[in-house]
Amino acid sequence: MPKNSFPLRIQERERDRGRRVAEELGVSENRLYAELIHDGLLIREQMLYMTKLRSLAATTARADAFAVLDRAADEPLLPTDRY
């Protein structure tokens, strides 16, 4: 996979924090930032998805929601379906 240069502009104070955390974790500063960006993007994507679900729920009639559930198979819960 090709790697492109992407200069990250952050305040020196934040950079110092990043260096310390990377050193404590035993990873490179670059690796730390890459993982933080990955995790942050994942969280934001999940937040957007939940926003869309809430919007859908707000515009769905209760009867329509129950009609969908009525079409679901009547099978016992699997162990992984429980908290």
PDB file of N, CA and C in Angstrom:
ATOM      1  N   MET A   1       0.851  -1.167   0.000  1.00  0.00           N
ATOM      2  CA  MET A   1       0.000   0.000   0.000  1.00  0.00           C
ATOM      3  C   MET A   1       0.902   1.237   0.000  1.00  0.00           C
ATOM      4  N   PRO A   2       0.680   2.149  -0.931  1.00  0.00           N
ATOM      5  CA  PRO A   2       1.541   3.334  -0.974  1.00  0.00           C
ATOM      6  C   PRO A   2       1.277   4.249   0.215  1.00  0.00           C
ATOM      7  N   LYS A   3       2.335   4.848   0.696  1.00  0.00           N
ATOM      8  CA  LYS A   3       2.217   5.780   1.818  1.00  0.00           C
ATOM      9  C   LYS A   3       2.451   7.184   1.296  1.00  0.00           C
ATOM     10  N   ASN A   4       1.528   8.054   1.603  1.00  0.00           N
ATOM     11  CA  ASN A   4       1.654   9.439   1.210  1.00  0.00           C
ATOM     12  C   ASN A   4       1.996  10.276   2.434  1.00  0.00           C
ATOM     13  N   SER A   5       2.716  11.335   2.201  1.00  0.00           N
ATOM     14  CA  SER A   5       3.062  12.230   3.296  1.00  0.00           C
ATOM     15  C   SER A   5       1.854  13.084   3.646  1.00  0.00           C
ATOM     16  N   PHE A   6       1.593  13.227   4.944  1.00  0.00           N
ATOM     17  CA  PHE A   6       0.506  14.066   5.411  1.00  0.00           C
ATOM     18  C   PHE A   6       0.998  14.783   6.659  1.00  0.00           C
ATOM     19  N   PRO A   7       1.427  16.016   6.497  1.00  0.00           N
ATOM     20  CA  PRO A   7       1.945  16.738   7.674  1.00  0.00           C
ATOM     21  C   PRO A   7       0.813  17.050   8.648  1.00  0.00           C
ATOM     22  N   LEU A   8       0.973  16.629   9.872  1.00  0.00           N
ATOM     23  CA  LEU A   8      -0.027  16.867  10.899  1.00  0.00           C
ATOM     24  C   LEU A   8       0.405  18.082  11.703  1.00  0.00           C
ATOM     25  N   ARG A   9      -0.413  19.096  11.696  1.00  0.00           N
ATOM     26  CA  ARG A   9      -0.080  20.328  12.414  1.00  0.00           C
ATOM     27  C   ARG A   9      -0.800  20.331  13.751  1.00  0.00           C
ATOM     28  N   ILE A  10      -0.036  20.142  14.813  1.00  0.00           N
ATOM     29  CA  ILE A  10      -0.598  20.188  16.154  1.00  0.00           C
ATOM     30  C   ILE A  10       0.290  21.061  17.022  1.00  0.00           C
ATOM     31  N   GLN A  11      -0.264  21.555  18.090  1.00  0.00           N
ATOM     32  CA  GLN A  11       0.509  22.396  18.998  1.00  0.00           C
ATOM     33  C   GLN A  11       1.620  21.575  19.640  1.00  0.00           C
ATOM     34  N   GLU A  12       2.702  22.243  19.939  1.00  0.00           N
ATOM     35  CA  GLU A  12       3.868  21.575  20.516  1.00  0.00           C
ATOM     36  C   GLU A  12       3.516  20.871  21.824  1.00  0.00           C
ATOM     37  N   ARG A  13       2.645  21.480  22.599  1.00  0.00           N
ATOM     38  CA  ARG A  13       2.232  20.872  23.867  1.00  0.00           C
ATOM     39  C   ARG A  13       1.558  19.523  23.621  1.00  0.00           C
ATOM     40  N   GLU A  14       0.684  19.455  22.620  1.00  0.00           N
ATOM     41  CA  GLU A  14       0.015  18.196  22.283  1.00  0.00           C
ATOM     42  C   GLU A  14       1.023  17.189  21.739  1.00  0.00           C
ATOM     43  N   ARG A  15       1.974  17.677  20.973  1.00  0.00           N
ATOM     44  CA  ARG A  15       3.010  16.787  20.429  1.00  0.00           C
ATOM     45  C   ARG A  15       3.830  16.174  21.549  1.00  0.00           C
ATOM     46  N   ASP A  16       4.156  16.973  22.562  1.00  0.00           N
ATOM     47  CA  ASP A  16       4.899  16.454  23.714  1.00  0.00           C
ATOM     48  C   ASP A  16       4.104  15.363  24.421  1.00  0.00           C
ATOM     49  N   ARG A  17       2.821  15.595  24.566  1.00  0.00           N
ATOM     50  CA  ARG A  17       1.958  14.574  25.189  1.00  0.00           C
ATOM     51  C   ARG A  17       1.983  13.302  24.355  1.00  0.00           C
ATOM     52  N   GLY A  18       1.895  13.451  23.039  1.00  0.00           N
ATOM     53  CA  GLY A  18       1.927  12.298  22.145  1.00  0.00           C
ATOM     54  C   GLY A  18       3.224  11.521  22.258  1.00  0.00           C
ATOM     55  N   ARG A  19       4.305  12.236  22.322  1.00  0.00           N
ATOM     56  CA  ARG A  19       5.617  11.572  22.460  1.00  0.00           C
ATOM     57  C   ARG A  19       5.671  10.758  23.752  1.00  0.00           C
ATOM     58  N   ARG A  20       5.207  11.371  24.847  1.00  0.00           N
ATOM     59  CA  ARG A  20       5.239  10.672  26.138  1.00  0.00           C
ATOM     60  C   ARG A  20       4.373   9.420  26.116  1.00  0.00           C
ATOM     61  N   VAL A  21       3.175   9.542  25.571  1.00  0.00           N
ATOM     62  CA  VAL A  21       2.276   8.383  25.520  1.00  0.00           C
ATOM     63  C   VAL A  21       2.851   7.288  24.629  1.00  0.00           C
ATOM     64  N   ALA A  22       3.377   7.677  23.473  1.00  0.00           N
ATOM     65  CA  ALA A  22       3.968   6.692  22.560  1.00  0.00           C
ATOM     66  C   ALA A  22       5.124   5.964  23.238  1.00  0.00           C
ATOM     67  N   GLU A  23       5.937   6.710  23.954  1.00  0.00           N
ATOM     68  CA  GLU A  23       7.072   6.095  24.645  1.00  0.00           C
ATOM     69  C   GLU A  23       6.581   5.127  25.721  1.00  0.00           C
ATOM     70  N   GLU A  24       5.576   5.536  26.477  1.00  0.00           N
ATOM     71  CA  GLU A  24       5.018   4.655  27.519  1.00  0.00           C
ATOM     72  C   GLU A  24       4.443   3.371  26.922  1.00  0.00           C
ATOM     73  N   LEU A  25       3.816   3.501  25.760  1.00  0.00           N
ATOM     74  CA  LEU A  25       3.221   2.335  25.107  1.00  0.00           C
ATOM     75  C   LEU A  25       4.230   1.504  24.334  1.00  0.00           C
ATOM     76  N   GLY A  26       5.400   2.065  24.106  1.00  0.00           N
ATOM     77  CA  GLY A  26       6.424   1.344  23.357  1.00  0.00           C
ATOM     78  C   GLY A  26       6.160   1.306  21.863  1.00  0.00           C
ATOM     79  N   VAL A  27       5.497   2.337  21.344  1.00  0.00           N
ATOM     80  CA  VAL A  27       5.232   2.430  19.913  1.00  0.00           C
ATOM     81  C   VAL A  27       5.805   3.741  19.394  1.00  0.00           C
ATOM     82  N   SER A  28       5.900   3.832  18.082  1.00  0.00           N
ATOM     83  CA  SER A  28       6.376   5.077  17.497  1.00  0.00           C
ATOM     84  C   SER A  28       5.296   6.147  17.611  1.00  0.00           C
ATOM     85  N   GLU A  29       5.736   7.372  17.564  1.00  0.00           N
ATOM     86  CA  GLU A  29       4.786   8.483  17.600  1.00  0.00           C
ATOM     87  C   GLU A  29       3.832   8.404  16.406  1.00  0.00           C
ATOM     88  N   ASN A  30       4.358   8.045  15.260  1.00  0.00           N
ATOM     89  CA  ASN A  30       3.535   7.912  14.060  1.00  0.00           C
ATOM     90  C   ASN A  30       2.475   6.829  14.241  1.00  0.00           C
ATOM     91  N   ARG A  31       2.877   5.708  14.813  1.00  0.00           N
ATOM     92  CA  ARG A  31       1.931   4.601  15.051  1.00  0.00           C
ATOM     93  C   ARG A  31       0.827   5.035  16.009  1.00  0.00           C
ATOM     94  N   LEU A  32       1.216   5.762  17.058  1.00  0.00           N
ATOM     95  CA  LEU A  32       0.234   6.253  18.011  1.00  0.00           C
ATOM     96  C   LEU A  32      -0.800   7.125  17.318  1.00  0.00           C
ATOM     97  N   TYR A  33      -0.344   8.078  16.510  1.00  0.00           N
ATOM     98  CA  TYR A  33      -1.277   8.983  15.833  1.00  0.00           C
ATOM     99  C   TYR A  33      -2.155   8.219  14.843  1.00  0.00           C
ATOM    100  N   ALA A  34      -1.579   7.265  14.146  1.00  0.00           N
ATOM    101  CA  ALA A  34      -2.365   6.474  13.189  1.00  0.00           C
ATOM    102  C   ALA A  34      -3.475   5.709  13.903  1.00  0.00           C
ATOM    103  N   GLU A  35      -3.159   5.128  15.051  1.00  0.00           N
ATOM    104  CA  GLU A  35      -4.165   4.378  15.807  1.00  0.00           C
ATOM    105  C   GLU A  35      -5.222   5.303  16.396  1.00  0.00           C
ATOM    106  N   LEU A  36      -4.796   6.467  16.879  1.00  0.00           N
ATOM    107  CA  LEU A  36      -5.758   7.427  17.422  1.00  0.00           C
ATOM    108  C   LEU A  36      -6.711   7.911  16.339  1.00  0.00           C
ATOM    109  N   ILE A  37      -6.175   8.182  15.160  1.00  0.00           N
ATOM    110  CA  ILE A  37      -7.022   8.623  14.047  1.00  0.00           C
ATOM    111  C   ILE A  37      -7.990   7.516  13.656  1.00  0.00           C
ATOM    112  N   HIS A  38      -7.491   6.291  13.552  1.00  0.00           N
ATOM    113  CA  HIS A  38      -8.346   5.159  13.201  1.00  0.00           C
ATOM    114  C   HIS A  38      -9.484   5.004  14.210  1.00  0.00           C
ATOM    115  N   ASP A  39      -9.137   4.993  15.492  1.00  0.00           N
ATOM    116  CA  ASP A  39     -10.146   4.819  16.536  1.00  0.00           C
ATOM    117  C   ASP A  39     -11.127   5.987  16.550  1.00  0.00           C
ATOM    118  N   GLY A  40     -10.622   7.194  16.382  1.00  0.00           N
ATOM    119  CA  GLY A  40     -11.490   8.369  16.362  1.00  0.00           C
ATOM    120  C   GLY A  40     -12.460   8.345  15.201  1.00  0.00           C
ATOM    121  N   LEU A  41     -11.979   7.932  14.030  1.00  0.00           N
ATOM    122  CA  LEU A  41     -12.857   7.835  12.867  1.00  0.00           C
ATOM    123  C   LEU A  41     -13.934   6.778  13.084  1.00  0.00           C
ATOM    124  N   LEU A  42     -13.550   5.663  13.659  1.00  0.00           N
ATOM    125  CA  LEU A  42     -14.522   4.602  13.936  1.00  0.00           C
ATOM    126  C   LEU A  42     -15.615   5.096  14.873  1.00  0.00           C
ATOM    127  N   ILE A  43     -15.224   5.808  15.915  1.00  0.00           N
ATOM    128  CA  ILE A  43     -16.199   6.348  16.858  1.00  0.00           C
ATOM    129  C   ILE A  43     -17.140   7.323  16.162  1.00  0.00           C
ATOM    130  N   ARG A  44     -16.579   8.215  15.338  1.00  0.00           N
ATOM    131  CA  ARG A  44     -17.413   9.192  14.627  1.00  0.00           C
ATOM    132  C   ARG A  44     -18.364   8.504  13.647  1.00  0.00           C
ATOM    133  N   GLU A  45     -17.896   7.464  12.979  1.00  0.00           N
ATOM    134  CA  GLU A  45     -18.767   6.721  12.061  1.00  0.00           C
ATOM    135  C   GLU A  45     -19.924   6.077  12.822  1.00  0.00           C
ATOM    136  N   GLN A  46     -19.626   5.525  13.992  1.00  0.00           N
ATOM    137  CA  GLN A  46     -20.672   4.912  14.800  1.00  0.00           C
ATOM    138  C   GLN A  46     -21.671   5.955  15.293  1.00  0.00           C
ATOM    139  N   MET A  47     -21.173   7.133  15.642  1.00  0.00           N
ATOM    140  CA  MET A  47     -22.064   8.212  16.071  1.00  0.00           C
ATOM    141  C   MET A  47     -22.990   8.636  14.933  1.00  0.00           C
ATOM    142  N   LEU A  48     -22.453   8.740  13.720  1.00  0.00           N
ATOM    143  CA  LEU A  48     -23.276   9.090  12.568  1.00  0.00           C
ATOM    144  C   LEU A  48     -24.339   8.024  12.304  1.00  0.00           C
ATOM    145  N   TYR A  49     -23.960   6.769  12.431  1.00  0.00           N
ATOM    146  CA  TYR A  49     -24.898   5.666  12.229  1.00  0.00           C
ATOM    147  C   TYR A  49     -26.027   5.729  13.253  1.00  0.00           C
ATOM    148  N   MET A  50     -25.682   5.976  14.509  1.00  0.00           N
ATOM    149  CA  MET A  50     -26.709   6.072  15.547  1.00  0.00           C
ATOM    150  C   MET A  50     -27.633   7.262  15.299  1.00  0.00           C
ATOM    151  N   THR A  51     -27.085   8.362  14.809  1.00  0.00           N
ATOM    152  CA  THR A  51     -27.902   9.527  14.471  1.00  0.00           C
ATOM    153  C   THR A  51     -28.907   9.173  13.385  1.00  0.00           C
ATOM    154  N   LYS A  52     -28.455   8.424  12.382  1.00  0.00           N
ATOM    155  CA  LYS A  52     -29.360   7.998  11.312  1.00  0.00           C
ATOM    156  C   LYS A  52     -30.435   7.053  11.843  1.00  0.00           C
ATOM    157  N   LEU A  53     -30.060   6.139  12.729  1.00  0.00           N
ATOM    158  CA  LEU A  53     -31.047   5.228  13.312  1.00  0.00           C
ATOM    159  C   LEU A  53     -32.080   5.989  14.130  1.00  0.00           C
ATOM    160  N   ARG A  54     -31.617   6.976  14.905  1.00  0.00           N
ATOM    161  CA  ARG A  54     -32.556   7.771  15.705  1.00  0.00           C
ATOM    162  C   ARG A  54     -33.511   8.553  14.804  1.00  0.00           C
ATOM    163  N   SER A  55     -32.990   9.073  13.710  1.00  0.00           N
ATOM    164  CA  SER A  55     -33.818   9.810  12.770  1.00  0.00           C
ATOM    165  C   SER A  55     -34.875   8.889  12.155  1.00  0.00           C
ATOM    166  N   LEU A  56     -34.455   7.690  11.803  1.00  0.00           N
ATOM    167  CA  LEU A  56     -35.387   6.709  11.245  1.00  0.00           C
ATOM    168  C   LEU A  56     -36.448   6.340  12.271  1.00  0.00           C
ATOM    169  N   ALA A  57     -36.026   6.129  13.514  1.00  0.00           N
ATOM    170  CA  ALA A  57     -36.961   5.761  14.578  1.00  0.00           C
ATOM    171  C   ALA A  57     -37.962   6.889  14.837  1.00  0.00           C
ATOM    172  N   ALA A  58     -37.497   8.122  14.741  1.00  0.00           N
ATOM    173  CA  ALA A  58     -38.374   9.266  15.010  1.00  0.00           C
ATOM    174  C   ALA A  58     -39.443   9.436  13.936  1.00  0.00           C
ATOM    175  N   THR A  59     -39.188   8.908  12.749  1.00  0.00           N
ATOM    176  CA  THR A  59     -40.142   9.088  11.649  1.00  0.00           C
ATOM    177  C   THR A  59     -40.903   7.802  11.315  1.00  0.00           C
ATOM    178  N   THR A  60     -40.721   6.768  12.125  1.00  0.00           N
ATOM    179  CA  THR A  60     -41.400   5.489  11.892  1.00  0.00           C
ATOM    180  C   THR A  60     -42.578   5.363  12.853  1.00  0.00           C
ATOM    181  N   ALA A  61     -43.712   5.043  12.316  1.00  0.00           N
ATOM    182  CA  ALA A  61     -44.891   4.850  13.159  1.00  0.00           C
ATOM    183  C   ALA A  61     -44.727   3.576  13.989  1.00  0.00           C
ATOM    184  N   ARG A  62     -45.233   3.625  15.188  1.00  0.00           N
ATOM    185  CA  ARG A  62     -45.126   2.477  16.098  1.00  0.00           C
ATOM    186  C   ARG A  62     -45.716   1.219  15.463  1.00  0.00           C
ATOM    187  N   ALA A  63     -46.852   1.358  14.817  1.00  0.00           N
ATOM    188  CA  ALA A  63     -47.507   0.207  14.183  1.00  0.00           C
ATOM    189  C   ALA A  63     -46.631  -0.385  13.082  1.00  0.00           C
ATOM    190  N   ASP A  64     -45.952   0.458  12.332  1.00  0.00           N
ATOM    191  CA  ASP A  64     -45.060  -0.033  11.278  1.00  0.00           C
ATOM    192  C   ASP A  64     -43.886  -0.802  11.877  1.00  0.00           C
ATOM    193  N   ALA A  65     -43.349  -0.311  12.986  1.00  0.00           N
ATOM    194  CA  ALA A  65     -42.233  -0.999  13.644  1.00  0.00           C
ATOM    195  C   ALA A  65     -42.673  -2.371  14.147  1.00  0.00           C
ATOM    196  N   PHE A  66     -43.856  -2.438  14.752  1.00  0.00           N
ATOM    197  CA  PHE A  66     -44.356  -3.723  15.234  1.00  0.00           C
ATOM    198  C   PHE A  66     -44.669  -4.665  14.079  1.00  0.00           C
ATOM    199  N   ALA A  67     -45.079  -4.128  12.946  1.00  0.00           N
ATOM    200  CA  ALA A  67     -45.353  -4.968  11.771  1.00  0.00           C
ATOM    201  C   ALA A  67     -44.071  -5.641  11.292  1.00  0.00           C
ATOM    202  N   VAL A  68     -42.975  -4.927  11.351  1.00  0.00           N
ATOM    203  CA  VAL A  68     -41.681  -5.516  10.970  1.00  0.00           C
ATOM    204  C   VAL A  68     -41.309  -6.622  11.958  1.00  0.00           C
ATOM    205  N   LEU A  69     -41.487  -6.356  13.248  1.00  0.00           N
ATOM    206  CA  LEU A  69     -41.162  -7.367  14.257  1.00  0.00           C
ATOM    207  C   LEU A  69     -42.052  -8.598  14.134  1.00  0.00           C
ATOM    208  N   ASP A  70     -43.290  -8.400  13.741  1.00  0.00           N
ATOM    209  CA  ASP A  70     -44.201  -9.539  13.567  1.00  0.00           C
ATOM    210  C   ASP A  70     -43.734 -10.487  12.467  1.00  0.00           C
ATOM    211  N   ARG A  71     -42.968  -9.970  11.519  1.00  0.00           N
ATOM    212  CA  ARG A  71     -42.472 -10.824  10.422  1.00  0.00           C
ATOM    213  C   ARG A  71     -41.213 -11.603  10.815  1.00  0.00           C
ATOM    214  N   ALA A  72     -40.639 -11.296  11.951  1.00  0.00           N
ATOM    215  CA  ALA A  72     -39.417 -11.976  12.396  1.00  0.00           C
ATOM    216  C   ALA A  72     -39.736 -13.412  12.796  1.00  0.00           C
ATOM    217  N   ALA A  73     -38.786 -14.288  12.581  1.00  0.00           N
ATOM    218  CA  ALA A  73     -38.971 -15.698  12.933  1.00  0.00           C
ATOM    219  C   ALA A  73     -39.149 -15.839  14.441  1.00  0.00           C
ATOM    220  N   ASP A  74     -39.988 -16.761  14.828  1.00  0.00           N
ATOM    221  CA  ASP A  74     -40.240 -17.024  16.244  1.00  0.00           C
ATOM    222  C   ASP A  74     -39.302 -18.136  16.702  1.00  0.00           C
ATOM    223  N   GLU A  75     -38.106 -17.758  17.041  1.00  0.00           N
ATOM    224  CA  GLU A  75     -37.088 -18.723  17.456  1.00  0.00           C
ATOM    225  C   GLU A  75     -36.523 -18.298  18.800  1.00  0.00           C
ATOM    226  N   PRO A  76     -36.046 -19.250  19.578  1.00  0.00           N
ATOM    227  CA  PRO A  76     -35.462 -18.878  20.876  1.00  0.00           C
ATOM    228  C   PRO A  76     -34.188 -18.060  20.693  1.00  0.00           C
ATOM    229  N   LEU A  77     -33.910 -17.246  21.695  1.00  0.00           N
ATOM    230  CA  LEU A  77     -32.692 -16.441  21.663  1.00  0.00           C
ATOM    231  C   LEU A  77     -31.456 -17.327  21.733  1.00  0.00           C
ATOM    232  N   LEU A  78     -30.429 -16.910  21.063  1.00  0.00           N
ATOM    233  CA  LEU A  78     -29.129 -17.583  21.161  1.00  0.00           C
ATOM    234  C   LEU A  78     -28.399 -17.012  22.382  1.00  0.00           C
ATOM    235  N   PRO A  79     -27.447 -17.738  22.925  1.00  0.00           N
ATOM    236  CA  PRO A  79     -26.681 -17.202  24.076  1.00  0.00           C
ATOM    237  C   PRO A  79     -26.021 -15.860  23.745  1.00  0.00           C
ATOM    238  N   THR A  80     -25.645 -15.660  22.492  1.00  0.00           N
ATOM    239  CA  THR A  80     -24.994 -14.405  22.118  1.00  0.00           C
ATOM    240  C   THR A  80     -25.988 -13.258  21.962  1.00  0.00           C
ATOM    241  N   ASP A  81     -27.306 -13.536  22.026  1.00  0.00           N
ATOM    242  CA  ASP A  81     -28.321 -12.499  21.919  1.00  0.00           C
ATOM    243  C   ASP A  81     -28.593 -11.836  23.264  1.00  0.00           C
ATOM    244  N   ARG A  82     -27.994 -12.347  24.290  1.00  0.00           N
ATOM    245  CA  ARG A  82     -28.223 -11.799  25.646  1.00  0.00           C
ATOM    246  C   ARG A  82     -27.037 -10.927  26.049  1.00  0.00           C
ATOM    247  N   TYR A  83     -27.312 -10.043  26.996  1.00  0.00           N
ATOM    248  CA  TYR A  83     -26.228  -9.187  27.518  1.00  0.00           C
ATOM    249  C   TYR A  83     -25.360  -9.955  28.452  1.00  0.00           C
TER     250      TYR A  83
END
